[in-house]
Amino acid sequence: MPSFFKNRKSKKDSQQDAENQSGNNSVKNIYSSLSANLDTIKQKTGNSSDIMIRQLKMGENFDIKIAIVYVEGIVDNQSIQEFLLESIMKDNHKETVNKQNVFDLISEDMITIGDVSSINTWNDLFLSLLAGDTLILVDEIDQALTVGTKGGERRAIAESSTQMVVRGPKEAFTESIGTNIAMVRRIIKSPDLWVESMKIGRITQTDITMMYIHGIANDEIIKEIRQRLHKIDIDSILESGYIQQLIEDQTITTFPTIYDTERPDIVAGNLLEGRIAIFVDGTPFVLIAPAVFIQFFQSPEDYYVRFDISTSIRFLRIVMFLISLIAPAAYVAVTTFHQEMVPTQLIVAIAAQREAVPFPAFVEALLMEVTFEILREAGIRLPKAIGSAVSIVGALVIGQAAVQASIVSPAMVIIVSITAIANFATPSFAMAISIRLIRFLFMICAAVFGFYGIILALLMMVVHLCSLRSFGIPYMAPLAPFIPSNNEDTVVRLPWWTLRKRPRLISANTRREGINQRPNPPSSRGMVNGNLEEGDNNET
């Protein structure tokens, strides 16, 4: 028995030694032999078929061997053909090139692509190669040139599919991190828009970029986000949701504490308020931190229309939030405990409908809510051509059949339908799905304690929300703690000429606009009309 554990321990130690040895090999310098370098690349990549190697000869006597290495599919083939191969194969420096100056000659006189750098370690070589760069290796030189030729097939910029607006920009982010950063650069043309890049993921080596406006963003928040990103030690990052779950303040909560969006105008607006954006290569969803609760009920269209319209729409969203949260629970509480709170004719009609229903109100509500969640999930996963049809037909057929079979009452079908429609009115999907989960907790409290249970659940939810933090910023700010100067853009949105200051807890520079920005025309409409009438009299 002891020998068995001893063998297991030695096997584990040998695996760790092999990993350490492979890690040490990854930082070794490139060989001076071209054939040895190419053999190492083939061996390390498993002789993959998409690793393209083109060997050429240079010099007056064709005695200088070079190789061009790239990965098919993630490079721009036209750039390689026109700016690399043609330049090297023309070889206009045959008389002057030799083994001593060939490396400098290729990098300085032959390559017409701007992004060129030299590397000398295997780790940097494979990072550049698998990122879409092209490598140039020269025989008897222990360095390599990396040329920026990233390209390949990518999705074009299209309209946002998750955050629709009637008025405002229509473009949305793509899966290319370079394209996404450029889209924000086109909106904010300031040298103070700073970008910090890093790679996270031991295997995937995913490009992560942190963007903020220097002088507006809070340095302490920037430092905190940077530290949390550098602490991540994981083998893969496939989407921004990985980063969101690894850097958030509170993990035991259904409420999102980091905002995500695929619209460049939303990212630009939040950067101008002092927030930090986190871009992840391979996903169109950009993270914005820190986030507050009221932010998830705001739409970019609120800032493109008049303040009275946007304020009324925000009030409507808050009402829809409350309906989607407690409507089924209120129905359960009324029909179970508090019949006296409903007008007599209405409660008699509801009682007549429920007379043939064999289940209590809680089971009835639970059954309908779970059924509707199944239909909604099925509608999302099915192809677009039949997804919407299945969800609508399924809801109509199942609802009508359930009523005729006396499983549920018609009033419950109406309540569940209104709840679902109200839930769709929430601009943020992350907040909407949180409400869908908490709704079941409210239904349980209502079934046990009635309206007292609903009030108790609301108090617990408010206490929980007030306890949350997003990178040190209170989640309910500026409502709790109450900051009067920052409540101009919360539930209500005052005119732009009154929004002089940025959020105090988030921004380092709270000054947003100058004074006296209210429109003040020099002449009234009556004076203009009077001048027009005087001009008409002169003409006659």
Protein backbone atom coordinates (compact mmCIF):
# COMPACT_ATOMS: atom_id res chain seq x y z
CA MET A 1 0.00 0.00 0.00
CA PRO A 2 2.71 2.57 0.77
CA SER A 3 4.42 1.76 -2.52
CA PHE A 4 1.15 2.44 -4.36
CA PHE A 5 0.85 5.99 -2.98
CA LYS A 6 4.57 6.48 -3.55
CA ASN A 7 4.14 5.63 -7.22
CA ARG A 8 1.17 7.99 -7.51
CA LYS A 9 3.16 10.78 -5.93
CA SER A 10 6.13 10.23 -8.20
CA LYS A 11 3.84 10.20 -11.23
CA LYS A 12 2.29 13.50 -10.16
CA ASP A 13 5.70 15.00 -9.56
CA SER A 14 6.86 13.86 -12.98
CA GLN A 15 3.85 15.55 -14.58
CA GLN A 16 4.64 18.79 -12.78
CA ASP A 17 8.27 18.51 -13.86
CA ALA A 18 7.16 18.03 -17.45
CA GLU A 19 4.92 21.09 -17.25
CA ASN A 20 7.72 23.14 -15.73
CA GLN A 21 10.10 21.92 -18.40
CA SER A 22 7.68 22.85 -21.16
CA GLY A 23 7.20 26.25 -19.55
CA ASN A 24 10.95 26.76 -19.43
CA ASN A 25 11.27 25.72 -23.09
CA SER A 26 8.67 28.33 -24.06
CA VAL A 27 10.96 31.17 -22.98
CA LYS A 28 14.08 29.83 -24.73
CA ASN A 29 15.62 31.82 -27.54
CA ILE A 30 15.07 30.99 -31.17
CA TYR A 31 17.73 28.80 -32.81
CA SER A 32 20.12 30.15 -35.41
CA SER A 33 19.45 27.19 -37.72
CA LEU A 34 16.49 27.71 -40.05
CA SER A 35 15.78 24.00 -40.39
CA ALA A 36 15.81 23.56 -36.61
CA ASN A 37 13.38 26.47 -36.19
CA LEU A 38 10.99 25.07 -38.79
CA ASP A 39 11.14 21.61 -37.25
CA THR A 40 10.33 23.09 -33.84
CA ILE A 41 7.36 25.00 -35.25
CA LYS A 42 6.02 21.86 -36.96
CA GLN A 43 6.52 19.78 -33.84
CA LYS A 44 4.96 22.33 -31.50
CA THR A 45 1.88 22.79 -33.73
CA GLY A 46 1.48 19.07 -34.41
CA ASN A 47 2.36 19.57 -38.09
CA SER A 48 -1.05 21.22 -38.55
CA SER A 49 -2.20 21.65 -42.13
CA ASP A 50 -3.14 25.30 -41.71
CA ILE A 51 0.43 26.32 -40.75
CA MET A 52 1.79 27.57 -44.06
CA ILE A 53 5.59 27.61 -44.59
CA ARG A 54 7.09 29.18 -47.71
CA GLN A 55 10.87 28.83 -48.11
CA LEU A 56 12.78 31.29 -50.33
CA LYS A 57 16.37 32.07 -51.28
CA MET A 58 18.00 35.48 -51.51
CA GLY A 59 21.34 36.97 -52.40
CA GLU A 60 23.47 37.20 -55.51
CA ASN A 61 24.30 33.49 -55.36
CA PHE A 62 20.98 32.48 -53.74
CA ASP A 63 22.85 31.26 -50.71
CA ILE A 64 20.66 32.98 -48.06
CA LYS A 65 17.75 30.86 -46.95
CA ILE A 66 14.63 32.46 -45.47
CA ALA A 67 11.17 31.17 -44.58
CA ILE A 68 7.80 32.85 -44.30
CA VAL A 69 5.41 31.25 -41.80
CA TYR A 70 1.74 32.12 -41.20
CA VAL A 71 -1.57 30.52 -40.24
CA GLU A 72 -4.06 30.21 -43.07
CA GLY A 73 -7.46 31.77 -42.40
CA ILE A 74 -6.49 34.39 -39.82
CA VAL A 75 -4.16 36.46 -42.01
CA ASP A 76 -4.70 38.90 -44.85
CA ASN A 77 -3.51 36.88 -47.87
CA GLN A 78 -3.42 39.94 -50.11
CA SER A 79 -1.00 41.75 -47.79
CA ILE A 80 1.29 38.72 -47.66
CA GLN A 81 1.25 38.38 -51.44
CA GLU A 82 1.74 42.03 -52.37
CA PHE A 83 3.85 43.44 -49.55
CA LEU A 84 5.91 40.42 -48.47
CA LEU A 85 6.39 37.81 -51.15
CA GLU A 86 6.65 40.19 -54.10
CA SER A 87 9.07 42.50 -52.27
CA ILE A 88 11.35 39.65 -51.21
CA MET A 89 11.22 37.75 -54.52
CA LYS A 90 12.07 40.86 -56.56
CA ASP A 91 15.23 41.18 -54.44
CA ASN A 92 16.48 44.54 -55.77
CA HIS A 93 19.44 44.38 -53.35
CA LYS A 94 21.22 41.31 -54.71
CA GLU A 95 24.59 43.01 -54.91
CA THR A 96 24.54 44.46 -51.41
CA VAL A 97 22.79 41.75 -49.44
CA ASN A 98 24.81 39.31 -47.37
CA LYS A 99 24.33 37.13 -44.31
CA GLN A 100 25.40 39.94 -41.99
CA ASN A 101 22.91 42.60 -43.12
CA VAL A 102 20.05 40.52 -44.55
CA PHE A 103 17.97 40.79 -41.39
CA ASP A 104 18.15 44.59 -41.27
CA LEU A 105 17.69 44.87 -45.02
CA ILE A 106 14.46 42.87 -44.97
CA SER A 107 12.96 44.82 -42.06
CA GLU A 108 14.02 48.30 -43.22
CA ASP A 109 13.99 48.26 -47.04
CA MET A 110 11.93 45.34 -48.34
CA ILE A 111 8.82 45.09 -46.15
CA THR A 112 6.31 47.84 -46.88
CA ILE A 113 3.93 46.95 -44.02
CA GLY A 114 4.07 49.36 -41.08
CA ASP A 115 3.81 46.95 -38.13
CA VAL A 116 7.18 45.14 -38.08
CA SER A 117 9.12 44.05 -35.00
CA SER A 118 11.80 41.53 -34.07
CA ILE A 119 11.41 38.72 -31.51
CA ASN A 120 13.88 36.24 -30.12
CA THR A 121 11.92 33.85 -27.85
CA TRP A 122 9.68 30.93 -28.71
CA ASN A 123 6.91 32.23 -26.50
CA ASP A 124 6.68 35.54 -28.40
CA LEU A 125 6.99 33.68 -31.71
CA PHE A 126 3.97 31.45 -31.14
CA LEU A 127 1.92 34.29 -29.66
CA SER A 128 2.50 36.39 -32.78
CA LEU A 129 1.99 33.49 -35.18
CA LEU A 130 -1.32 32.37 -33.68
CA ALA A 131 -2.55 35.97 -33.39
CA GLY A 132 -2.47 36.38 -37.17
CA ASP A 133 1.00 37.84 -37.73
CA THR A 134 3.44 36.54 -40.34
CA LEU A 135 6.91 35.36 -39.31
CA ILE A 136 10.09 35.78 -41.35
CA LEU A 137 12.94 33.48 -40.33
CA VAL A 138 16.47 33.78 -41.72
CA ASP A 139 19.09 31.03 -41.63
CA GLU A 140 21.99 31.54 -39.21
CA ILE A 141 20.11 34.32 -37.34
CA ASP A 142 18.62 33.64 -33.91
CA GLN A 143 15.84 36.20 -34.31
CA ALA A 144 12.60 36.43 -36.25
CA LEU A 145 10.62 39.25 -37.79
CA THR A 146 6.91 39.48 -37.03
CA VAL A 147 4.80 41.38 -39.56
CA GLY A 148 1.28 42.58 -38.75
CA THR A 149 -0.95 40.80 -41.27
CA LYS A 150 -4.03 40.09 -39.16
CA GLY A 151 -7.09 39.54 -41.28
CA GLY A 152 -9.36 36.73 -42.44
CA GLU A 153 -13.12 36.55 -42.69
CA ARG A 154 -14.97 38.67 -40.13
CA ARG A 155 -18.55 39.70 -39.56
CA ALA A 156 -19.40 43.12 -40.94
CA ILE A 157 -20.77 45.91 -38.75
CA ALA A 158 -24.53 45.48 -38.44
CA GLU A 159 -27.46 46.80 -36.42
CA SER A 160 -27.77 45.88 -32.76
CA SER A 161 -30.08 42.93 -32.15
CA THR A 162 -30.38 43.21 -28.35
CA GLN A 163 -30.66 46.98 -27.73
CA MET A 164 -32.96 48.46 -30.36
CA VAL A 165 -33.67 52.19 -30.60
CA VAL A 166 -35.93 54.28 -32.82
CA ARG A 167 -33.65 57.30 -32.82
CA GLY A 168 -29.88 57.05 -32.59
CA PRO A 169 -26.94 55.20 -34.17
CA LYS A 170 -27.74 51.78 -35.58
CA GLU A 171 -24.28 50.21 -35.66
CA ALA A 172 -23.19 47.59 -33.11
CA PHE A 173 -19.93 45.98 -32.08
CA THR A 174 -18.52 42.92 -33.83
CA GLU A 175 -16.31 40.05 -32.67
CA SER A 176 -13.13 41.93 -33.67
CA ILE A 177 -11.60 43.84 -30.77
CA GLY A 178 -9.71 46.16 -33.14
CA THR A 179 -12.90 47.13 -34.94
CA ASN A 180 -14.72 47.72 -31.65
CA ILE A 181 -12.00 50.01 -30.29
CA ALA A 182 -11.94 51.94 -33.58
CA MET A 183 -15.72 52.46 -33.42
CA VAL A 184 -15.37 54.16 -30.03
CA ARG A 185 -12.37 56.16 -31.27
CA ARG A 186 -14.53 57.59 -34.05
CA ILE A 187 -16.99 58.91 -31.46
CA ILE A 188 -14.51 60.25 -28.87
CA LYS A 189 -11.74 62.02 -30.78
CA SER A 190 -9.59 62.88 -27.79
CA PRO A 191 -5.97 62.03 -26.96
CA ASP A 192 -7.11 61.48 -23.37
CA LEU A 193 -8.92 58.29 -24.44
CA TRP A 194 -6.38 55.79 -23.12
CA VAL A 195 -6.23 52.09 -23.89
CA GLU A 196 -4.44 49.35 -21.94
CA SER A 197 -4.10 45.88 -23.48
CA MET A 198 -3.26 42.54 -21.92
CA LYS A 199 -3.63 38.82 -22.61
CA ILE A 200 -5.61 36.56 -20.28
CA GLY A 201 -5.94 32.80 -20.56
CA ARG A 202 -3.03 30.37 -20.40
CA ILE A 203 -4.21 28.48 -23.50
CA THR A 204 -6.42 30.91 -25.42
CA GLN A 205 -4.24 34.01 -24.80
CA THR A 206 -7.30 36.20 -25.33
CA ASP A 207 -6.76 39.89 -26.00
CA ILE A 208 -8.35 42.05 -23.29
CA THR A 209 -8.41 45.85 -23.52
CA MET A 210 -9.32 48.36 -20.82
CA MET A 211 -10.42 51.79 -22.07
CA TYR A 212 -11.01 54.98 -20.10
CA ILE A 213 -10.71 58.76 -20.42
CA HIS A 214 -7.72 60.10 -18.53
CA GLY A 215 -8.69 62.99 -16.28
CA ILE A 216 -12.35 61.96 -16.07
CA ALA A 217 -12.13 58.36 -14.81
CA ASN A 218 -11.28 57.81 -11.16
CA ASP A 219 -7.70 56.56 -10.75
CA GLU A 220 -8.62 54.36 -7.78
CA ILE A 221 -11.29 52.54 -9.79
CA ILE A 222 -8.88 52.12 -12.71
CA LYS A 223 -6.28 50.66 -10.38
CA GLU A 224 -8.82 48.28 -8.82
CA ILE A 225 -10.04 46.99 -12.19
CA ARG A 226 -6.46 46.57 -13.42
CA GLN A 227 -5.52 44.55 -10.34
CA ARG A 228 -8.55 42.27 -10.66
CA LEU A 229 -7.81 41.62 -14.32
CA HIS A 230 -4.16 40.79 -13.66
CA LYS A 231 -5.17 38.37 -10.86
CA ILE A 232 -7.17 36.20 -13.27
CA ASP A 233 -5.46 32.83 -13.76
CA ILE A 234 -7.52 30.60 -16.04
CA ASP A 235 -6.82 28.53 -19.11
CA SER A 236 -9.45 30.10 -21.39
CA ILE A 237 -11.47 33.28 -21.92
CA LEU A 238 -14.12 32.71 -24.59
CA GLU A 239 -16.50 35.60 -23.91
CA SER A 240 -16.76 38.72 -21.78
CA GLY A 241 -19.03 36.79 -19.40
CA TYR A 242 -15.92 34.96 -18.15
CA ILE A 243 -14.33 38.28 -17.17
CA GLN A 244 -17.57 39.55 -15.66
CA GLN A 245 -17.85 36.59 -13.30
CA LEU A 246 -14.16 36.71 -12.32
CA ILE A 247 -13.94 40.39 -11.35
CA GLU A 248 -17.39 41.26 -9.92
CA ASP A 249 -17.70 42.35 -6.28
CA GLN A 250 -20.58 40.15 -5.18
CA THR A 251 -21.01 36.61 -6.53
CA ILE A 252 -24.02 35.53 -4.44
CA THR A 253 -26.63 37.74 -6.08
CA THR A 254 -28.90 37.60 -9.10
CA PHE A 255 -28.52 41.31 -9.84
CA PRO A 256 -25.82 42.25 -12.37
CA THR A 257 -23.12 44.52 -10.94
CA ILE A 258 -21.33 45.04 -14.27
CA TYR A 259 -23.12 46.47 -17.30
CA ASP A 260 -22.73 44.87 -20.74
CA THR A 261 -23.65 46.34 -24.11
CA GLU A 262 -23.01 45.93 -27.82
CA ARG A 263 -23.60 49.59 -28.76
CA PRO A 264 -20.66 52.00 -29.22
CA ASP A 265 -22.72 55.06 -28.25
CA ILE A 266 -23.53 53.52 -24.86
CA VAL A 267 -19.83 52.82 -24.26
CA ALA A 268 -18.91 56.37 -25.27
CA GLY A 269 -21.57 57.89 -23.02
CA ASN A 270 -20.41 55.87 -20.01
CA LEU A 271 -16.75 56.70 -20.68
CA LEU A 272 -17.68 60.38 -20.63
CA GLU A 273 -19.26 59.85 -17.21
CA GLY A 274 -16.01 58.39 -15.83
CA ARG A 275 -16.63 54.67 -16.21
CA ILE A 276 -14.21 52.09 -17.62
CA ALA A 277 -14.91 49.82 -20.61
CA ILE A 278 -13.46 46.32 -20.93
CA PHE A 279 -13.22 44.87 -24.45
CA VAL A 280 -12.76 41.13 -25.01
CA ASP A 281 -11.68 39.74 -28.36
CA GLY A 282 -14.19 37.36 -29.90
CA THR A 283 -17.41 38.88 -28.53
CA PRO A 284 -19.49 41.97 -29.42
CA PHE A 285 -20.46 42.56 -25.78
CA VAL A 286 -18.35 45.14 -23.93
CA LEU A 287 -18.30 45.38 -20.14
CA ILE A 288 -18.78 48.71 -18.37
CA ALA A 289 -17.80 49.24 -14.74
CA PRO A 290 -18.75 50.40 -12.21
CA ALA A 291 -22.50 49.94 -12.66
CA VAL A 292 -25.43 51.15 -10.56
CA PHE A 293 -28.97 49.82 -10.27
CA ILE A 294 -30.80 52.64 -12.04
CA GLN A 295 -28.43 52.33 -15.01
CA PHE A 296 -30.11 49.10 -16.12
CA PHE A 297 -33.41 50.93 -16.69
CA GLN A 298 -31.92 53.60 -18.92
CA SER A 299 -31.87 53.40 -22.70
CA PRO A 300 -29.55 55.34 -25.05
CA GLU A 301 -32.64 56.77 -26.69
CA ASP A 302 -33.45 58.61 -23.43
CA TYR A 303 -30.68 61.09 -24.23
CA TYR A 304 -31.63 61.64 -27.87
CA VAL A 305 -35.21 62.82 -27.24
CA ARG A 306 -36.69 65.60 -25.13
CA PHE A 307 -36.43 65.32 -21.37
CA ASP A 308 -40.19 65.15 -20.75
CA ILE A 309 -40.58 62.20 -23.12
CA SER A 310 -37.60 60.31 -21.70
CA THR A 311 -38.76 60.94 -18.12
CA SER A 312 -42.24 59.60 -18.79
CA ILE A 313 -40.78 56.51 -20.48
CA ARG A 314 -38.48 55.91 -17.51
CA PHE A 315 -41.44 56.10 -15.14
CA LEU A 316 -43.19 53.55 -17.35
CA ARG A 317 -40.16 51.21 -17.13
CA ILE A 318 -40.15 51.43 -13.33
CA VAL A 319 -43.86 50.58 -13.24
CA MET A 320 -43.27 47.67 -15.61
CA PHE A 321 -40.46 46.49 -13.35
CA LEU A 322 -42.78 46.41 -10.33
CA ILE A 323 -45.54 44.67 -12.31
CA SER A 324 -43.19 41.98 -13.62
CA LEU A 325 -41.85 41.48 -10.09
CA ILE A 326 -45.00 41.23 -7.95
CA ALA A 327 -48.02 40.78 -10.27
CA PRO A 328 -48.33 36.97 -9.88
CA ALA A 329 -47.50 37.24 -6.17
CA ALA A 330 -50.21 39.89 -5.69
CA TYR A 331 -52.76 37.65 -7.43
CA VAL A 332 -51.83 34.74 -5.16
CA ALA A 333 -52.05 36.95 -2.05
CA VAL A 334 -55.43 38.42 -3.00
CA THR A 335 -57.11 35.15 -3.91
CA THR A 336 -55.68 33.31 -0.89
CA PHE A 337 -55.71 35.78 2.03
CA HIS A 338 -57.02 39.24 1.16
CA GLN A 339 -60.27 38.85 -0.75
CA GLU A 340 -61.72 41.88 1.07
CA MET A 341 -59.24 44.21 -0.68
CA VAL A 342 -60.81 43.55 -4.10
CA PRO A 343 -64.18 44.97 -5.26
CA THR A 344 -66.98 42.52 -4.62
CA GLN A 345 -68.01 42.04 -8.25
CA LEU A 346 -64.44 41.36 -9.32
CA ILE A 347 -63.71 38.85 -6.54
CA VAL A 348 -67.01 37.08 -7.27
CA ALA A 349 -66.03 36.80 -10.95
CA ILE A 350 -62.58 35.45 -10.05
CA ALA A 351 -64.12 32.97 -7.60
CA ALA A 352 -66.53 31.77 -10.28
CA GLN A 353 -63.64 31.21 -12.68
CA ARG A 354 -61.61 29.31 -10.09
CA GLU A 355 -64.56 27.18 -8.94
CA ALA A 356 -63.62 24.30 -11.25
CA VAL A 357 -59.84 24.68 -10.82
CA PRO A 358 -58.56 21.90 -8.50
CA PHE A 359 -55.28 23.63 -7.56
CA PRO A 360 -54.64 26.47 -5.12
CA ALA A 361 -53.67 29.85 -6.55
CA PHE A 362 -49.95 29.34 -5.83
CA VAL A 363 -49.77 26.04 -7.75
CA GLU A 364 -51.80 27.59 -10.55
CA ALA A 365 -49.42 30.57 -10.82
CA LEU A 366 -46.34 28.38 -10.54
CA LEU A 367 -47.57 26.06 -13.28
CA MET A 368 -48.29 28.92 -15.69
CA GLU A 369 -45.03 30.76 -14.97
CA VAL A 370 -42.91 27.65 -15.51
CA THR A 371 -44.80 26.84 -18.71
CA PHE A 372 -44.27 30.34 -20.05
CA GLU A 373 -40.55 30.22 -19.19
CA ILE A 374 -40.26 26.95 -21.12
CA LEU A 375 -41.98 28.49 -24.14
CA ARG A 376 -39.77 31.57 -23.98
CA GLU A 377 -36.59 29.50 -23.79
CA ALA A 378 -37.76 27.28 -26.64
CA GLY A 379 -38.50 30.34 -28.76
CA ILE A 380 -34.95 31.60 -28.24
CA ARG A 381 -33.23 28.28 -29.06
CA LEU A 382 -35.29 27.40 -32.12
CA PRO A 383 -34.37 28.79 -35.58
CA LYS A 384 -35.64 32.29 -36.27
CA ALA A 385 -38.05 31.11 -38.97
CA ILE A 386 -40.08 29.00 -36.53
CA GLY A 387 -39.01 30.28 -33.09
CA SER A 388 -41.48 33.17 -32.86
CA ALA A 389 -44.30 31.11 -34.39
CA VAL A 390 -43.81 28.26 -31.92
CA SER A 391 -43.73 30.57 -28.90
CA ILE A 392 -46.87 32.48 -29.93
CA VAL A 393 -48.86 29.44 -31.05
CA GLY A 394 -47.68 27.46 -28.03
CA ALA A 395 -48.79 30.18 -25.62
CA LEU A 396 -52.21 30.54 -27.28
CA VAL A 397 -52.88 26.82 -27.62
CA ILE A 398 -51.60 25.82 -24.19
CA GLY A 399 -53.33 28.75 -22.48
CA GLN A 400 -56.67 28.07 -24.16
CA ALA A 401 -56.43 24.33 -23.57
CA ALA A 402 -55.47 24.82 -19.91
CA VAL A 403 -58.49 27.08 -19.35
CA GLN A 404 -60.90 24.67 -21.07
CA ALA A 405 -59.47 21.76 -19.08
CA SER A 406 -60.04 23.72 -15.84
CA ILE A 407 -56.36 23.50 -14.90
CA VAL A 408 -55.97 27.28 -14.63
CA SER A 409 -58.38 30.19 -14.57
CA PRO A 410 -58.64 32.82 -17.33
CA ALA A 411 -57.60 35.52 -14.84
CA MET A 412 -54.30 33.71 -14.21
CA VAL A 413 -53.59 33.57 -17.95
CA ILE A 414 -54.11 37.33 -18.13
CA ILE A 415 -51.84 37.96 -15.13
CA VAL A 416 -49.03 35.80 -16.56
CA SER A 417 -49.32 37.46 -19.98
CA ILE A 418 -49.17 40.98 -18.52
CA THR A 419 -46.18 39.95 -16.39
CA ALA A 420 -44.29 38.61 -19.42
CA ILE A 421 -44.97 41.72 -21.50
CA ALA A 422 -43.88 43.96 -18.61
CA ASN A 423 -40.68 41.95 -18.28
CA PHE A 424 -39.84 42.59 -21.94
CA ALA A 425 -39.98 46.35 -21.29
CA THR A 426 -36.75 46.24 -19.25
CA PRO A 427 -33.91 47.55 -21.51
CA SER A 428 -31.23 45.29 -19.98
CA PHE A 429 -31.55 41.54 -20.51
CA ALA A 430 -29.34 40.86 -17.47
CA MET A 431 -31.73 42.75 -15.20
CA ALA A 432 -34.81 41.23 -16.86
CA ILE A 433 -33.65 37.66 -16.26
CA SER A 434 -32.86 38.54 -12.63
CA ILE A 435 -36.44 39.71 -12.18
CA ARG A 436 -37.69 36.45 -13.68
CA LEU A 437 -35.87 34.48 -10.99
CA ILE A 438 -36.83 36.70 -8.05
CA ARG A 439 -40.47 36.58 -9.10
CA PHE A 440 -40.72 32.98 -7.88
CA LEU A 441 -39.42 34.01 -4.44
CA PHE A 442 -42.14 36.66 -4.19
CA MET A 443 -44.76 34.07 -5.15
CA ILE A 444 -43.62 31.77 -2.33
CA CYS A 445 -43.72 34.62 0.21
CA ALA A 446 -47.20 35.62 -0.98
CA ALA A 447 -48.46 32.03 -0.71
CA VAL A 448 -47.24 31.78 2.90
CA PHE A 449 -47.86 35.25 4.36
CA GLY A 450 -49.96 37.12 1.80
CA PHE A 451 -49.24 40.82 1.33
CA TYR A 452 -47.12 40.77 4.48
CA GLY A 453 -44.82 38.31 2.73
CA ILE A 454 -44.61 40.54 -0.37
CA ILE A 455 -43.70 43.56 1.77
CA LEU A 456 -41.13 41.50 3.69
CA ALA A 457 -39.58 40.26 0.42
CA LEU A 458 -39.45 43.83 -0.90
CA LEU A 459 -37.68 45.02 2.25
CA MET A 460 -35.18 42.17 2.02
CA MET A 461 -34.54 42.98 -1.66
CA VAL A 462 -33.97 46.67 -0.92
CA VAL A 463 -31.58 45.83 1.92
CA HIS A 464 -29.72 43.44 -0.36
CA LEU A 465 -29.48 46.05 -3.12
CA CYS A 466 -28.15 48.64 -0.69
CA SER A 467 -25.47 46.19 0.47
CA LEU A 468 -24.12 45.58 -3.03
CA ARG A 469 -21.02 47.32 -4.39
CA SER A 470 -19.62 47.66 -7.89
CA PHE A 471 -15.86 48.21 -7.59
CA GLY A 472 -16.44 50.00 -4.32
CA ILE A 473 -19.30 52.19 -5.60
CA PRO A 474 -22.67 51.73 -3.81
CA TYR A 475 -25.04 49.86 -6.14
CA MET A 476 -28.02 52.10 -5.32
CA ALA A 477 -26.15 55.39 -5.78
CA PRO A 478 -27.17 58.19 -6.11
CA LEU A 479 -30.42 57.11 -4.41
CA ALA A 480 -28.69 55.45 -1.46
CA PRO A 481 -26.58 57.24 -0.41
CA PHE A 482 -28.75 60.10 -1.59
CA ILE A 483 -26.78 62.64 -3.65
CA PRO A 484 -29.08 65.51 -4.72
CA SER A 485 -26.76 66.86 -7.42
CA ASN A 486 -26.62 63.46 -9.17
CA ASN A 487 -30.37 62.73 -9.11
CA GLU A 488 -30.93 64.82 -12.22
CA ASP A 489 -30.44 61.69 -14.35
CA THR A 490 -31.99 58.77 -12.46
CA VAL A 491 -35.72 58.06 -12.47
CA VAL A 492 -36.19 61.46 -14.12
CA ARG A 493 -33.99 63.02 -16.75
CA LEU A 494 -33.76 66.79 -16.60
CA PRO A 495 -32.89 68.89 -19.68
CA TRP A 496 -29.33 68.71 -20.96
CA TRP A 497 -28.66 72.33 -20.00
CA THR A 498 -29.17 71.39 -16.32
CA LEU A 499 -26.89 68.30 -16.33
CA ARG A 500 -23.76 70.26 -15.45
CA LYS A 501 -22.03 67.60 -13.33
CA ARG A 502 -21.00 63.99 -13.76
CA PRO A 503 -21.67 61.32 -11.09
CA ARG A 504 -19.63 62.37 -8.07
CA LEU A 505 -18.75 58.88 -6.81
CA ILE A 506 -17.57 57.65 -10.21
CA SER A 507 -15.86 60.55 -11.95
CA ALA A 508 -12.70 62.35 -10.91
CA ASN A 509 -13.72 65.47 -12.86
CA THR A 510 -17.37 66.25 -12.20
CA ARG A 511 -17.56 69.34 -14.43
CA ARG A 512 -19.42 68.39 -17.61
CA GLU A 513 -20.64 71.61 -19.20
CA GLY A 514 -20.45 75.35 -18.79
CA ILE A 515 -22.97 77.64 -17.15
CA ASN A 516 -25.87 79.38 -18.90
CA GLN A 517 -26.44 76.60 -21.43
CA ARG A 518 -30.20 77.07 -21.44
CA PRO A 519 -31.49 78.14 -24.88
CA ASN A 520 -32.16 81.91 -24.88
CA PRO A 521 -33.09 83.18 -28.35
CA PRO A 522 -32.37 86.89 -28.93
CA SER A 523 -35.79 87.55 -30.46
CA SER A 524 -39.27 86.17 -29.88
CA ARG A 525 -41.62 84.79 -32.49
CA GLY A 526 -43.75 87.93 -32.25
CA MET A 527 -40.84 90.19 -33.23
CA VAL A 528 -39.99 87.94 -36.18
CA ASN A 529 -43.60 87.97 -37.38
CA GLY A 530 -43.70 91.75 -36.97
CA ASN A 531 -40.62 92.20 -39.13
CA LEU A 532 -42.13 89.93 -41.79
CA GLU A 533 -45.36 91.94 -41.84
CA GLU A 534 -43.41 95.22 -42.11
CA GLY A 535 -41.44 93.80 -45.04
CA ASP A 536 -44.63 92.77 -46.82
CA ASN A 537 -46.07 96.29 -46.45
CA ASN A 538 -42.93 97.82 -47.92
CA GLU A 539 -43.15 95.52 -50.95
CA THR A 540 -46.75 96.54 -51.61
